[in-house]
Amino acid sequence: MTDPMTDQPAGPADQPAPYRSPLLELPGAVNGDGVDAGVAWHYGHPVEEQRRLESGGGWADLSHRDVVRLAGPDRLQLLHAMTTQHLEAHPAGVWTQALILSPHGHVEHEFAGVDDGETFLAHTEPGSGAGLIAFLTGMRFLLRVEIDAVDDLVVVARADGDTFVRRTDLSNLPAELGPPSGTWAYEALRIAAGRPRLGLDTDHRTIPNEVGWIGTAVHMDKGCYRGQETVARVHTLGRPPRRLVLLHLDGSADRLPALGSPLLLDGRAVGRVGSTARHFELGPVGLGLVKRSVPADAELLADEVAASQEVLVDPDVGLHVRPRL
């Protein structure tokens, strides 16, 4: 196939160049891969980078994530109606997390954001911004909201939370904040904290109850939203179909399980492997999604690597569960 304007073969040169952070020019920087390509996996000292980030003195470049802006007087009304979070009177300057669900309660979008009194800025997974914009735009009807992608702002993660900075200022941050940490460090600490990531630790069937998003990304006292019936029913009756676990992986293995690998119990698939990383203290760890019926003390096999479980979501979680006095 040829380009009719140039009579030259059409191919990769016609596609936008993949994103590449300017911080990849720092000494020792190694580019990430997969969904985190374009920012540094590490800068040559992954253990030191993890320690620095955990201690509160570090920061991580997440400039590959999509940034979305909602402006207009009805922006919070739209977000309140369409998401799982209570945002109708959300205070300015306070970060929040929200989900958009399918009519059956499956998670379709996840984002974190903050409102400044005039504009709501959100960041979401790389490549997911366009879908989020399309959905919200299709649901605004007569509401006074403008929704668009933002190219001049990027996300930086610090111990005290995320922040937006100007893209043109990104190269100056090492001089202002000190040496950055790579996504290896950021992901290892995220996994150890039991915080799932959409598309990595979830699949198309995931409901919020299974992965610990009740209370953080789902407000249980707000009004109706798409998918609420499923969330409320499972929350009331308990026993979500699956549960998120922290996997402690066999440290003698020379590799980490591949993303999406089945989790096996006695040769039978009982779940899937999500994110994995080598933690500077815990060793190799990962997140997994397993069937509720899997015994919490059962040792699993993850892509030929032995894995023990640490409970993150109680298999019987729900309002029906009452503490023993």
Foldseek 3Di string as FASTA:
>chain_A
DADPVPRHRDDPVVDDDDAAAPCCPAAQFDADDDLRGRFGQFRNCQQVQLVCQQVQQAKEFPQLWWKKKKFDPCRQVLCCAFWQDNRVPPDAPDKAKIFGAALQQFTDFIWIWGHHPGMIMITGGRPCQVVVQVVSVVPCVPPTMDMDTDDQWGWMATNVGIDIDGSVCVVVVCVVRNDHGYVLSVLLVCLVVQHDHPPFADDRRDHCLARVCVPRHHDPPGDDYRNVVNVQVCQAQFQDQKHKWKKQWPQVDPDDFDGFFFKDAPRHGFWGWGDWHQHSPSGIMTMIIGGLPPDQQGWIAGNNIIIHTDGDRNSGHHPVDDDDD
